[in-house]
Full PDB file with SEQRES, HELIX, SHEET, SSBOND, CRYST1, ORIGX, SCALE, CONECT and MASTER records, all heavy atoms in Angstrom:
SEQRES   1 A   40  GLU LEU PRO LEU TRP LEU LEU PHE VAL GLY PHE LEU LEU          
SEQRES   2 A   40  ILE GLY MET LEU ILE ALA ALA LEU PHE ALA MET SER LYS          
SEQRES   3 A   40  GLY ALA ARG ASN ARG GLN VAL ILE LYS ASN LYS ASN GLU          
SEQRES   4 A   40  GLU                                                          
HELIX    1 AA1 LEU A    4  GLU A   39  1                                  36    
CRYST1    1.000    1.000    1.000  90.00  90.00  90.00 P 1           1          
ORIGX1      1.000000  0.000000  0.000000        0.00000                         
ORIGX2      0.000000  1.000000  0.000000        0.00000                         
ORIGX3      0.000000  0.000000  1.000000        0.00000                         
SCALE1      1.000000  0.000000  0.000000        0.00000                         
SCALE2      0.000000  1.000000  0.000000        0.00000                         
SCALE3      0.000000  0.000000  1.000000        0.00000                         
ATOM      1  N   GLU A   1      -1.297 -66.171  69.535  1.00  0.00           N  
ATOM      2  CA  GLU A   1      -0.073 -65.568  69.009  1.00  0.00           C  
ATOM      3  C   GLU A   1      -0.226 -65.562  67.496  1.00  0.00           C  
ATOM      4  O   GLU A   1      -0.244 -66.616  66.859  1.00  0.00           O  
ATOM      5  CB  GLU A   1       1.144 -66.392  69.439  1.00  0.00           C  
ATOM      6  CG  GLU A   1       2.447 -65.823  69.018  1.00  0.00           C  
ATOM      7  CD  GLU A   1       3.146 -65.093  70.160  1.00  0.00           C  
ATOM      8  OE1 GLU A   1       2.709 -65.144  71.314  1.00  0.00           O  
ATOM      9  OE2 GLU A   1       4.120 -64.448  69.841  1.00  0.00           O  
ATOM     10  N   LEU A   2      -0.380 -64.349  66.881  1.00  0.00           N  
ATOM     11  CA  LEU A   2      -0.630 -64.205  65.442  1.00  0.00           C  
ATOM     12  C   LEU A   2       0.316 -63.169  64.868  1.00  0.00           C  
ATOM     13  O   LEU A   2       0.778 -62.261  65.581  1.00  0.00           O  
ATOM     14  CB  LEU A   2      -2.057 -63.744  65.195  1.00  0.00           C  
ATOM     15  CG  LEU A   2      -3.196 -64.665  65.650  1.00  0.00           C  
ATOM     16  CD1 LEU A   2      -4.508 -63.944  65.553  1.00  0.00           C  
ATOM     17  CD2 LEU A   2      -3.218 -65.922  64.820  1.00  0.00           C  
ATOM     18  N   PRO A   3       0.579 -63.250  63.559  1.00  0.00           N  
ATOM     19  CA  PRO A   3       1.368 -62.188  62.935  1.00  0.00           C  
ATOM     20  C   PRO A   3       0.572 -60.861  62.986  1.00  0.00           C  
ATOM     21  O   PRO A   3      -0.657 -60.855  62.917  1.00  0.00           O  
ATOM     22  CB  PRO A   3       1.561 -62.643  61.501  1.00  0.00           C  
ATOM     23  CG  PRO A   3       1.164 -64.072  61.454  1.00  0.00           C  
ATOM     24  CD  PRO A   3       0.315 -64.341  62.624  1.00  0.00           C  
ATOM     25  N   LEU A   4       1.267 -59.792  63.104  1.00  0.00           N  
ATOM     26  CA  LEU A   4       0.635 -58.478  63.238  1.00  0.00           C  
ATOM     27  C   LEU A   4      -0.196 -58.122  62.006  1.00  0.00           C  
ATOM     28  O   LEU A   4      -1.273 -57.552  62.121  1.00  0.00           O  
ATOM     29  CB  LEU A   4       1.718 -57.419  63.496  1.00  0.00           C  
ATOM     30  CG  LEU A   4       1.258 -56.066  63.986  1.00  0.00           C  
ATOM     31  CD1 LEU A   4       0.421 -56.197  65.235  1.00  0.00           C  
ATOM     32  CD2 LEU A   4       2.439 -55.171  64.224  1.00  0.00           C  
ATOM     33  N   TRP A   5       0.264 -58.458  60.830  1.00  0.00           N  
ATOM     34  CA  TRP A   5      -0.482 -58.153  59.602  1.00  0.00           C  
ATOM     35  C   TRP A   5      -1.815 -58.889  59.572  1.00  0.00           C  
ATOM     36  O   TRP A   5      -2.798 -58.372  59.071  1.00  0.00           O  
ATOM     37  CB  TRP A   5       0.348 -58.459  58.341  1.00  0.00           C  
ATOM     38  CG  TRP A   5       0.606 -59.918  58.103  1.00  0.00           C  
ATOM     39  CD1 TRP A   5       1.652 -60.648  58.526  1.00  0.00           C  
ATOM     40  CD2 TRP A   5      -0.255 -60.809  57.387  1.00  0.00           C  
ATOM     41  NE1 TRP A   5       1.547 -61.945  58.136  1.00  0.00           N  
ATOM     42  CE2 TRP A   5       0.365 -62.071  57.418  1.00  0.00           C  
ATOM     43  CE3 TRP A   5      -1.450 -60.693  56.724  1.00  0.00           C  
ATOM     44  CZ2 TRP A   5      -0.179 -63.190  56.810  1.00  0.00           C  
ATOM     45  CZ3 TRP A   5      -1.983 -61.804  56.105  1.00  0.00           C  
ATOM     46  CH2 TRP A   5      -1.363 -63.048  56.163  1.00  0.00           C  
ATOM     47  N   LEU A   6      -1.834 -60.126  60.125  1.00  0.00           N  
ATOM     48  CA  LEU A   6      -3.078 -60.888  60.164  1.00  0.00           C  
ATOM     49  C   LEU A   6      -4.080 -60.202  61.103  1.00  0.00           C  
ATOM     50  O   LEU A   6      -5.282 -60.156  60.814  1.00  0.00           O  
ATOM     51  CB  LEU A   6      -2.815 -62.321  60.613  1.00  0.00           C  
ATOM     52  CG  LEU A   6      -3.974 -63.300  60.483  1.00  0.00           C  
ATOM     53  CD1 LEU A   6      -4.460 -63.383  59.048  1.00  0.00           C  
ATOM     54  CD2 LEU A   6      -3.578 -64.663  60.988  1.00  0.00           C  
ATOM     55  N   LEU A   7      -3.598 -59.655  62.214  1.00  0.00           N  
ATOM     56  CA  LEU A   7      -4.480 -58.894  63.104  1.00  0.00           C  
ATOM     57  C   LEU A   7      -5.027 -57.648  62.398  1.00  0.00           C  
ATOM     58  O   LEU A   7      -6.217 -57.328  62.526  1.00  0.00           O  
ATOM     59  CB  LEU A   7      -3.757 -58.498  64.375  1.00  0.00           C  
ATOM     60  CG  LEU A   7      -3.462 -59.624  65.368  1.00  0.00           C  
ATOM     61  CD1 LEU A   7      -2.615 -59.102  66.515  1.00  0.00           C  
ATOM     62  CD2 LEU A   7      -4.752 -60.210  65.886  1.00  0.00           C  
ATOM     63  N   PHE A   8      -4.191 -56.953  61.653  1.00  0.00           N  
ATOM     64  CA  PHE A   8      -4.652 -55.780  60.907  1.00  0.00           C  
ATOM     65  C   PHE A   8      -5.744 -56.158  59.894  1.00  0.00           C  
ATOM     66  O   PHE A   8      -6.783 -55.512  59.815  1.00  0.00           O  
ATOM     67  CB  PHE A   8      -3.489 -55.110  60.161  1.00  0.00           C  
ATOM     68  CG  PHE A   8      -2.555 -54.326  61.023  1.00  0.00           C  
ATOM     69  CD1 PHE A   8      -1.230 -54.132  60.620  1.00  0.00           C  
ATOM     70  CD2 PHE A   8      -2.958 -53.758  62.210  1.00  0.00           C  
ATOM     71  CE1 PHE A   8      -0.357 -53.401  61.402  1.00  0.00           C  
ATOM     72  CE2 PHE A   8      -2.079 -53.027  62.997  1.00  0.00           C  
ATOM     73  CZ  PHE A   8      -0.771 -52.847  62.590  1.00  0.00           C  
ATOM     74  N   VAL A   9      -5.509 -57.218  59.144  1.00  0.00           N  
ATOM     75  CA  VAL A   9      -6.487 -57.648  58.131  1.00  0.00           C  
ATOM     76  C   VAL A   9      -7.783 -58.093  58.808  1.00  0.00           C  
ATOM     77  O   VAL A   9      -8.891 -57.783  58.350  1.00  0.00           O  
ATOM     78  CB  VAL A   9      -5.892 -58.782  57.257  1.00  0.00           C  
ATOM     79  CG1 VAL A   9      -6.967 -59.406  56.370  1.00  0.00           C  
ATOM     80  CG2 VAL A   9      -4.752 -58.259  56.407  1.00  0.00           C  
ATOM     81  N   GLY A  10      -7.652 -58.822  59.932  1.00  0.00           N  
ATOM     82  CA  GLY A  10      -8.832 -59.275  60.658  1.00  0.00           C  
ATOM     83  C   GLY A  10      -9.665 -58.103  61.160  1.00  0.00           C  
ATOM     84  O   GLY A  10     -10.900 -58.082  61.018  1.00  0.00           O  
ATOM     85  N   PHE A  11      -8.974 -57.116  61.782  1.00  0.00           N  
ATOM     86  CA  PHE A  11      -9.719 -55.944  62.259  1.00  0.00           C  
ATOM     87  C   PHE A  11     -10.284 -55.109  61.103  1.00  0.00           C  
ATOM     88  O   PHE A  11     -11.357 -54.517  61.227  1.00  0.00           O  
ATOM     89  CB  PHE A  11      -8.836 -55.090  63.177  1.00  0.00           C  
ATOM     90  CG  PHE A  11      -8.641 -55.708  64.529  1.00  0.00           C  
ATOM     91  CD1 PHE A  11      -7.361 -55.923  65.030  1.00  0.00           C  
ATOM     92  CD2 PHE A  11      -9.728 -56.066  65.303  1.00  0.00           C  
ATOM     93  CE1 PHE A  11      -7.179 -56.490  66.279  1.00  0.00           C  
ATOM     94  CE2 PHE A  11      -9.559 -56.638  66.553  1.00  0.00           C  
ATOM     95  CZ  PHE A  11      -8.279 -56.855  67.035  1.00  0.00           C  
ATOM     96  N   LEU A  12      -9.584 -55.095  59.989  1.00  0.00           N  
ATOM     97  CA  LEU A  12     -10.107 -54.407  58.796  1.00  0.00           C  
ATOM     98  C   LEU A  12     -11.394 -55.081  58.319  1.00  0.00           C  
ATOM     99  O   LEU A  12     -12.374 -54.405  58.015  1.00  0.00           O  
ATOM    100  CB  LEU A  12      -9.063 -54.400  57.682  1.00  0.00           C  
ATOM    101  CG  LEU A  12      -9.505 -53.751  56.366  1.00  0.00           C  
ATOM    102  CD1 LEU A  12      -9.715 -52.256  56.564  1.00  0.00           C  
ATOM    103  CD2 LEU A  12      -8.493 -54.006  55.281  1.00  0.00           C  
ATOM    104  N   LEU A  13     -11.377 -56.408  58.283  1.00  0.00           N  
ATOM    105  CA  LEU A  13     -12.580 -57.132  57.858  1.00  0.00           C  
ATOM    106  C   LEU A  13     -13.726 -56.934  58.851  1.00  0.00           C  
ATOM    107  O   LEU A  13     -14.888 -56.767  58.439  1.00  0.00           O  
ATOM    108  CB  LEU A  13     -12.270 -58.622  57.691  1.00  0.00           C  
ATOM    109  CG  LEU A  13     -11.347 -58.965  56.519  1.00  0.00           C  
ATOM    110  CD1 LEU A  13     -11.028 -60.459  56.537  1.00  0.00           C  
ATOM    111  CD2 LEU A  13     -11.961 -58.555  55.200  1.00  0.00           C  
ATOM    112  N   ILE A  14     -13.424 -56.938  60.139  1.00  0.00           N  
ATOM    113  CA  ILE A  14     -14.465 -56.688  61.141  1.00  0.00           C  
ATOM    114  C   ILE A  14     -15.045 -55.276  60.965  1.00  0.00           C  
ATOM    115  O   ILE A  14     -16.261 -55.071  61.033  1.00  0.00           O  
ATOM    116  CB  ILE A  14     -13.913 -56.904  62.569  1.00  0.00           C  
ATOM    117  CG1 ILE A  14     -13.657 -58.393  62.787  1.00  0.00           C  
ATOM    118  CG2 ILE A  14     -14.893 -56.373  63.608  1.00  0.00           C  
ATOM    119  CD1 ILE A  14     -12.922 -58.697  64.074  1.00  0.00           C  
ATOM    120  N   GLY A  15     -14.201 -54.305  60.714  1.00  0.00           N  
ATOM    121  CA  GLY A  15     -14.654 -52.930  60.474  1.00  0.00           C  
ATOM    122  C   GLY A  15     -15.520 -52.834  59.224  1.00  0.00           C  
ATOM    123  O   GLY A  15     -16.544 -52.130  59.212  1.00  0.00           O  
ATOM    124  N   MET A  16     -15.108 -53.558  58.176  1.00  0.00           N  
ATOM    125  CA  MET A  16     -15.906 -53.552  56.943  1.00  0.00           C  
ATOM    126  C   MET A  16     -17.280 -54.198  57.182  1.00  0.00           C  
ATOM    127  O   MET A  16     -18.293 -53.742  56.652  1.00  0.00           O  
ATOM    128  CB  MET A  16     -15.159 -54.283  55.825  1.00  0.00           C  
ATOM    129  CG  MET A  16     -13.960 -53.501  55.308  1.00  0.00           C  
ATOM    130  SD  MET A  16     -12.924 -54.405  54.155  1.00  0.00           S  
ATOM    131  CE  MET A  16     -14.057 -54.831  52.879  1.00  0.00           C  
ATOM    132  N   LEU A  17     -17.310 -55.263  57.994  1.00  0.00           N  
ATOM    133  CA  LEU A  17     -18.565 -55.919  58.316  1.00  0.00           C  
ATOM    134  C   LEU A  17     -19.495 -54.978  59.090  1.00  0.00           C  
ATOM    135  O   LEU A  17     -20.690 -54.887  58.800  1.00  0.00           O  
ATOM    136  CB  LEU A  17     -18.302 -57.194  59.128  1.00  0.00           C  
ATOM    137  CG  LEU A  17     -19.528 -57.989  59.551  1.00  0.00           C  
ATOM    138  CD1 LEU A  17     -20.238 -58.551  58.338  1.00  0.00           C  
ATOM    139  CD2 LEU A  17     -19.141 -59.089  60.503  1.00  0.00           C  
ATOM    140  N   ILE A  18     -18.945 -54.269  60.059  1.00  0.00           N  
ATOM    141  CA  ILE A  18     -19.749 -53.308  60.838  1.00  0.00           C  
ATOM    142  C   ILE A  18     -20.278 -52.189  59.926  1.00  0.00           C  
ATOM    143  O   ILE A  18     -21.450 -51.812  60.005  1.00  0.00           O  
ATOM    144  CB  ILE A  18     -18.925 -52.730  62.011  1.00  0.00           C  
ATOM    145  CG1 ILE A  18     -18.661 -53.830  63.043  1.00  0.00           C  
ATOM    146  CG2 ILE A  18     -19.638 -51.543  62.647  1.00  0.00           C  
ATOM    147  CD1 ILE A  18     -17.669 -53.442  64.113  1.00  0.00           C  
ATOM    148  N   ALA A  19     -19.407 -51.681  59.029  1.00  0.00           N  
ATOM    149  CA  ALA A  19     -19.845 -50.630  58.097  1.00  0.00           C  
ATOM    150  C   ALA A  19     -20.952 -51.147  57.177  1.00  0.00           C  
ATOM    151  O   ALA A  19     -21.911 -50.429  56.884  1.00  0.00           O  
ATOM    152  CB  ALA A  19     -18.663 -50.127  57.287  1.00  0.00           C  
ATOM    153  N   ALA A  20     -20.830 -52.402  56.723  1.00  0.00           N  
ATOM    154  CA  ALA A  20     -21.860 -52.979  55.848  1.00  0.00           C  
ATOM    155  C   ALA A  20     -23.186 -53.107  56.592  1.00  0.00           C  
ATOM    156  O   ALA A  20     -24.259 -52.859  56.012  1.00  0.00           O  
ATOM    157  CB  ALA A  20     -21.397 -54.332  55.323  1.00  0.00           C  
ATOM    158  N   LEU A  21     -23.133 -53.503  57.874  1.00  0.00           N  
ATOM    159  CA  LEU A  21     -24.368 -53.614  58.654  1.00  0.00           C  
ATOM    160  C   LEU A  21     -25.058 -52.258  58.817  1.00  0.00           C  
ATOM    161  O   LEU A  21     -26.281 -52.150  58.707  1.00  0.00           O  
ATOM    162  CB  LEU A  21     -24.088 -54.238  60.018  1.00  0.00           C  
ATOM    163  CG  LEU A  21     -23.713 -55.728  60.001  1.00  0.00           C  
ATOM    164  CD1 LEU A  21     -23.305 -56.181  61.402  1.00  0.00           C  
ATOM    165  CD2 LEU A  21     -24.847 -56.566  59.471  1.00  0.00           C  
ATOM    166  N   PHE A  22     -24.245 -51.228  59.105  1.00  0.00           N  
ATOM    167  CA  PHE A  22     -24.827 -49.881  59.207  1.00  0.00           C  
ATOM    168  C   PHE A  22     -25.442 -49.437  57.871  1.00  0.00           C  
ATOM    169  O   PHE A  22     -26.518 -48.847  57.845  1.00  0.00           O  
ATOM    170  CB  PHE A  22     -23.776 -48.863  59.651  1.00  0.00           C  
ATOM    171  CG  PHE A  22     -23.527 -48.850  61.122  1.00  0.00           C  
ATOM    172  CD1 PHE A  22     -22.229 -48.971  61.613  1.00  0.00           C  
ATOM    173  CD2 PHE A  22     -24.568 -48.710  62.027  1.00  0.00           C  
ATOM    174  CE1 PHE A  22     -21.992 -48.959  62.971  1.00  0.00           C  
ATOM    175  CE2 PHE A  22     -24.326 -48.694  63.390  1.00  0.00           C  
ATOM    176  CZ  PHE A  22     -23.033 -48.819  63.862  1.00  0.00           C  
ATOM    177  N   ALA A  23     -24.742 -49.730  56.783  1.00  0.00           N  
ATOM    178  CA  ALA A  23     -25.250 -49.340  55.460  1.00  0.00           C  
ATOM    179  C   ALA A  23     -26.550 -50.072  55.144  1.00  0.00           C  
ATOM    180  O   ALA A  23     -27.484 -49.485  54.575  1.00  0.00           O  
ATOM    181  CB  ALA A  23     -24.209 -49.621  54.390  1.00  0.00           C  
ATOM    182  N   MET A  24     -26.617 -51.352  55.520  1.00  0.00           N  
ATOM    183  CA  MET A  24     -27.842 -52.105  55.253  1.00  0.00           C  
ATOM    184  C   MET A  24     -29.008 -51.575  56.071  1.00  0.00           C  
ATOM    185  O   MET A  24     -30.136 -51.491  55.575  1.00  0.00           O  
ATOM    186  CB  MET A  24     -27.618 -53.596  55.542  1.00  0.00           C  
ATOM    187  CG  MET A  24     -26.795 -54.267  54.474  1.00  0.00           C  
ATOM    188  SD  MET A  24     -26.386 -56.016  54.714  1.00  0.00           S  
ATOM    189  CE  MET A  24     -27.526 -56.643  55.861  1.00  0.00           C  
ATOM    190  N   SER A  25     -28.752 -51.214  57.324  1.00  0.00           N  
ATOM    191  CA  SER A  25     -29.849 -50.683  58.141  1.00  0.00           C  
ATOM    192  C   SER A  25     -30.318 -49.340  57.604  1.00  0.00           C  
ATOM    193  O   SER A  25     -31.519 -49.056  57.567  1.00  0.00           O  
ATOM    194  CB  SER A  25     -29.436 -50.573  59.607  1.00  0.00           C  
ATOM    195  OG  SER A  25     -28.475 -49.544  59.765  1.00  0.00           O  
ATOM    196  N   LYS A  26     -29.385 -48.504  57.158  1.00  0.00           N  
ATOM    197  CA  LYS A  26     -29.771 -47.224  56.576  1.00  0.00           C  
ATOM    198  C   LYS A  26     -30.519 -47.443  55.264  1.00  0.00           C  
ATOM    199  O   LYS A  26     -31.504 -46.759  54.983  1.00  0.00           O  
ATOM    200  CB  LYS A  26     -28.543 -46.352  56.348  1.00  0.00           C  
ATOM    201  CG  LYS A  26     -28.881 -44.971  55.860  1.00  0.00           C  
ATOM    202  CD  LYS A  26     -27.697 -44.051  55.959  1.00  0.00           C  
ATOM    203  CE  LYS A  26     -28.011 -42.725  55.349  1.00  0.00           C  
ATOM    204  NZ  LYS A  26     -28.501 -41.760  56.285  1.00  0.00           N  
ATOM    205  N   GLY A  27     -30.096 -48.412  54.478  1.00  0.00           N  
ATOM    206  CA  GLY A  27     -30.791 -48.734  53.227  1.00  0.00           C  
ATOM    207  C   GLY A  27     -32.204 -49.218  53.493  1.00  0.00           C  
ATOM    208  O   GLY A  27     -33.140 -48.879  52.762  1.00  0.00           O  
ATOM    209  N   ALA A  28     -32.367 -50.026  54.550  1.00  0.00           N  
ATOM    210  CA  ALA A  28     -33.703 -50.514  54.896  1.00  0.00           C  
ATOM    211  C   ALA A  28     -34.606 -49.349  55.300  1.00  0.00           C  
ATOM    212  O   ALA A  28     -35.784 -49.300  54.916  1.00  0.00           O  
ATOM    213  CB  ALA A  28     -33.620 -51.532  56.024  1.00  0.00           C  
ATOM    214  N   ARG A  29     -34.057 -48.402  56.067  1.00  0.00           N  
ATOM    215  CA  ARG A  29     -34.847 -47.217  56.434  1.00  0.00           C  
ATOM    216  C   ARG A  29     -35.223 -46.410  55.200  1.00  0.00           C  
ATOM    217  O   ARG A  29     -36.346 -45.931  55.076  1.00  0.00           O  
ATOM    218  CB  ARG A  29     -34.085 -46.340  57.421  1.00  0.00           C  
ATOM    219  CG  ARG A  29     -34.175 -46.826  58.848  1.00  0.00           C  
ATOM    220  CD  ARG A  29     -33.470 -45.886  59.742  1.00  0.00           C  
ATOM    221  NE  ARG A  29     -32.033 -46.118  59.483  1.00  0.00           N  
ATOM    222  CZ  ARG A  29     -31.043 -45.599  60.155  1.00  0.00           C  
ATOM    223  NH1 ARG A  29     -31.281 -44.774  61.138  1.00  0.00           N  
ATOM    224  NH2 ARG A  29     -29.801 -45.873  59.869  1.00  0.00           N  
ATOM    225  N   ASN A  30     -34.254 -46.267  54.283  1.00  0.00           N  
ATOM    226  CA  ASN A  30     -34.533 -45.514  53.059  1.00  0.00           C  
ATOM    227  C   ASN A  30     -35.608 -46.201  52.214  1.00  0.00           C  
ATOM    228  O   ASN A  30     -36.473 -45.539  51.643  1.00  0.00           O  
ATOM    229  CB  ASN A  30     -33.265 -45.321  52.237  1.00  0.00           C  
ATOM    230  CG  ASN A  30     -32.318 -44.326  52.871  1.00  0.00           C  
ATOM    231  OD1 ASN A  30     -32.712 -43.531  53.715  1.00  0.00           O  
ATOM    232  ND2 ASN A  30     -31.054 -44.373  52.482  1.00  0.00           N  
ATOM    233  N   ARG A  31     -35.543 -47.535  52.132  1.00  0.00           N  
ATOM    234  CA  ARG A  31     -36.571 -48.260  51.388  1.00  0.00           C  
ATOM    235  C   ARG A  31     -37.939 -48.078  52.029  1.00  0.00           C  
ATOM    236  O   ARG A  31     -38.949 -47.932  51.337  1.00  0.00           O  
ATOM    237  CB  ARG A  31     -36.208 -49.744  51.307  1.00  0.00           C  
ATOM    238  CG  ARG A  31     -35.156 -50.065  50.259  1.00  0.00           C  
ATOM    239  CD  ARG A  31     -34.990 -51.563  50.066  1.00  0.00           C  
ATOM    240  NE  ARG A  31     -34.463 -52.227  51.248  1.00  0.00           N  
ATOM    241  CZ  ARG A  31     -33.181 -52.321  51.582  1.00  0.00           C  
ATOM    242  NH1 ARG A  31     -32.273 -51.761  50.811  1.00  0.00           N  
ATOM    243  NH2 ARG A  31     -32.807 -52.953  52.676  1.00  0.00           N  
ATOM    244  N   GLN A  32     -37.988 -48.062  53.357  1.00  0.00           N  
ATOM    245  CA  GLN A  32     -39.255 -47.851  54.053  1.00  0.00           C  
ATOM    246  C   GLN A  32     -39.790 -46.445  53.784  1.00  0.00           C  
ATOM    247  O   GLN A  32     -40.994 -46.255  53.566  1.00  0.00           O  
ATOM    248  CB  GLN A  32     -39.087 -48.072  55.563  1.00  0.00           C  
ATOM    249  CG  GLN A  32     -40.369 -47.992  56.347  1.00  0.00           C  
ATOM    250  CD  GLN A  32     -41.365 -49.078  55.967  1.00  0.00           C  
ATOM    251  OE1 GLN A  32     -40.971 -50.193  55.656  1.00  0.00           O  
ATOM    252  NE2 GLN A  32     -42.640 -48.753  55.985  1.00  0.00           N  
ATOM    253  N   VAL A  33     -38.904 -45.463  53.800  1.00  0.00           N  
ATOM    254  CA  VAL A  33     -39.317 -44.088  53.514  1.00  0.00           C  
ATOM    255  C   VAL A  33     -39.843 -43.994  52.083  1.00  0.00           C  
ATOM    256  O   VAL A  33     -40.882 -43.370  51.824  1.00  0.00           O  
ATOM    257  CB  VAL A  33     -38.135 -43.108  53.736  1.00  0.00           C  
ATOM    258  CG1 VAL A  33     -38.434 -41.741  53.144  1.00  0.00           C  
ATOM    259  CG2 VAL A  33     -37.829 -42.989  55.217  1.00  0.00           C  
ATOM    260  N   ILE A  34     -39.158 -44.640  51.146  1.00  0.00           N  
ATOM    261  CA  ILE A  34     -39.600 -44.622  49.749  1.00  0.00           C  
ATOM    262  C   ILE A  34     -40.962 -45.299  49.622  1.00  0.00           C  
ATOM    263  O   ILE A  34     -41.852 -44.812  48.912  1.00  0.00           O  
ATOM    264  CB  ILE A  34     -38.554 -45.299  48.845  1.00  0.00           C  
ATOM    265  CG1 ILE A  34     -37.310 -44.404  48.737  1.00  0.00           C  
ATOM    266  CG2 ILE A  34     -39.118 -45.579  47.457  1.00  0.00           C  
ATOM    267  CD1 ILE A  34     -36.144 -45.059  48.042  1.00  0.00           C  
ATOM    268  N   LYS A  35     -41.143 -46.408  50.315  1.00  0.00           N  
ATOM    269  CA  LYS A  35     -42.428 -47.109  50.281  1.00  0.00           C  
ATOM    270  C   LYS A  35     -43.538 -46.216  50.811  1.00  0.00           C  
ATOM    271  O   LYS A  35     -44.624 -46.136  50.225  1.00  0.00           O  
ATOM    272  CB  LYS A  35     -42.334 -48.396  51.106  1.00  0.00           C  
ATOM    273  CG  LYS A  35     -43.578 -49.226  51.085  1.00  0.00           C  
ATOM    274  CD  LYS A  35     -43.403 -50.485  51.926  1.00  0.00           C  
ATOM    275  CE  LYS A  35     -44.682 -51.271  52.027  1.00  0.00           C  
ATOM    276  NZ  LYS A  35     -44.535 -52.446  52.901  1.00  0.00           N  
ATOM    277  N   ASN A  36     -43.275 -45.530  51.937  1.00  0.00           N  
ATOM    278  CA  ASN A  36     -44.284 -44.621  52.512  1.00  0.00           C  
ATOM    279  C   ASN A  36     -44.608 -43.482  51.561  1.00  0.00           C  
ATOM    280  O   ASN A  36     -45.774 -43.097  51.415  1.00  0.00           O  
ATOM    281  CB  ASN A  36     -43.811 -44.080  53.852  1.00  0.00           C  
ATOM    282  CG  ASN A  36     -43.757 -45.137  54.935  1.00  0.00           C  
ATOM    283  OD1 ASN A  36     -44.370 -46.197  54.816  1.00  0.00           O  
ATOM    284  ND2 ASN A  36     -43.005 -44.869  55.984  1.00  0.00           N  
ATOM    285  N   LYS A  37     -43.587 -42.929  50.930  1.00  0.00           N  
ATOM    286  CA  LYS A  37     -43.807 -41.824  49.989  1.00  0.00           C  
ATOM    287  C   LYS A  37     -44.596 -42.300  48.780  1.00  0.00           C  
ATOM    288  O   LYS A  37     -45.463 -41.575  48.273  1.00  0.00           O  
ATOM    289  CB  LYS A  37     -42.470 -41.206  49.543  1.00  0.00           C  
ATOM    290  CG  LYS A  37     -41.720 -40.500  50.636  1.00  0.00           C  
ATOM    291  CD  LYS A  37     -42.475 -39.304  51.154  1.00  0.00           C  
ATOM    292  CE  LYS A  37     -41.711 -38.620  52.251  1.00  0.00           C  
ATOM    293  NZ  LYS A  37     -42.421 -37.509  52.821  1.00  0.00           N  
ATOM    294  N   ASN A  38     -44.331 -43.520  48.311  1.00  0.00           N  
ATOM    295  CA  ASN A  38     -45.094 -44.057  47.180  1.00  0.00           C  
ATOM    296  C   ASN A  38     -46.559 -44.250  47.556  1.00  0.00           C  
ATOM    297  O   ASN A  38     -47.453 -43.987  46.750  1.00  0.00           O  
ATOM    298  CB  ASN A  38     -44.494 -45.380  46.695  1.00  0.00           C  
ATOM    299  CG  ASN A  38     -43.231 -45.172  45.888  1.00  0.00           C  
ATOM    300  OD1 ASN A  38     -43.011 -44.107  45.326  1.00  0.00           O  
ATOM    301  ND2 ASN A  38     -42.404 -46.192  45.829  1.00  0.00           N  
ATOM    302  N   GLU A  39     -46.813 -44.703  48.788  1.00  0.00           N  
ATOM    303  CA  GLU A  39     -48.192 -44.852  49.245  1.00  0.00           C  
ATOM    304  C   GLU A  39     -48.886 -43.492  49.337  1.00  0.00           C  
ATOM    305  O   GLU A  39     -50.045 -43.349  48.945  1.00  0.00           O  
ATOM    306  CB  GLU A  39     -48.233 -45.553  50.598  1.00  0.00           C  
ATOM    307  CG  GLU A  39     -47.908 -47.024  50.532  1.00  0.00           C  
ATOM    308  CD  GLU A  39     -47.870 -47.689  51.891  1.00  0.00           C  
ATOM    309  OE1 GLU A  39     -48.202 -47.033  52.901  1.00  0.00           O  
ATOM    310  OE2 GLU A  39     -47.490 -48.871  51.942  1.00  0.00           O  
ATOM    311  N   GLU A  40     -48.175 -42.486  49.847  1.00  0.00           N  
ATOM    312  CA  GLU A  40     -48.736 -41.138  49.912  1.00  0.00           C  
ATOM    313  C   GLU A  40     -49.043 -40.622  48.512  1.00  0.00           C  
ATOM    314  O   GLU A  40     -50.082 -39.977  48.286  1.00  0.00           O  
ATOM    315  CB  GLU A  40     -47.764 -40.182  50.596  1.00  0.00           C  
ATOM    316  CG  GLU A  40     -47.639 -40.375  52.092  1.00  0.00           C  
ATOM    317  CD  GLU A  40     -46.616 -39.439  52.712  1.00  0.00           C  
ATOM    318  OE1 GLU A  40     -46.257 -38.426  52.079  1.00  0.00           O  
ATOM    319  OE2 GLU A  40     -46.164 -39.727  53.834  1.00  0.00           O  
TER     320      GLU A  40                                                      
MASTER        0    0    0    1    0    0    0    6  319    1    0    4          
END                                                                             
């Protein structure tokens, strides 16, 4: 049993965490592509 605003903030933080994970994975792919291009 939690206040509704706390649930909103919690889900907002979970959403931000998921977005950060996606951004990090895309950044890792971009770094790999840059590394490959530098080797080429």
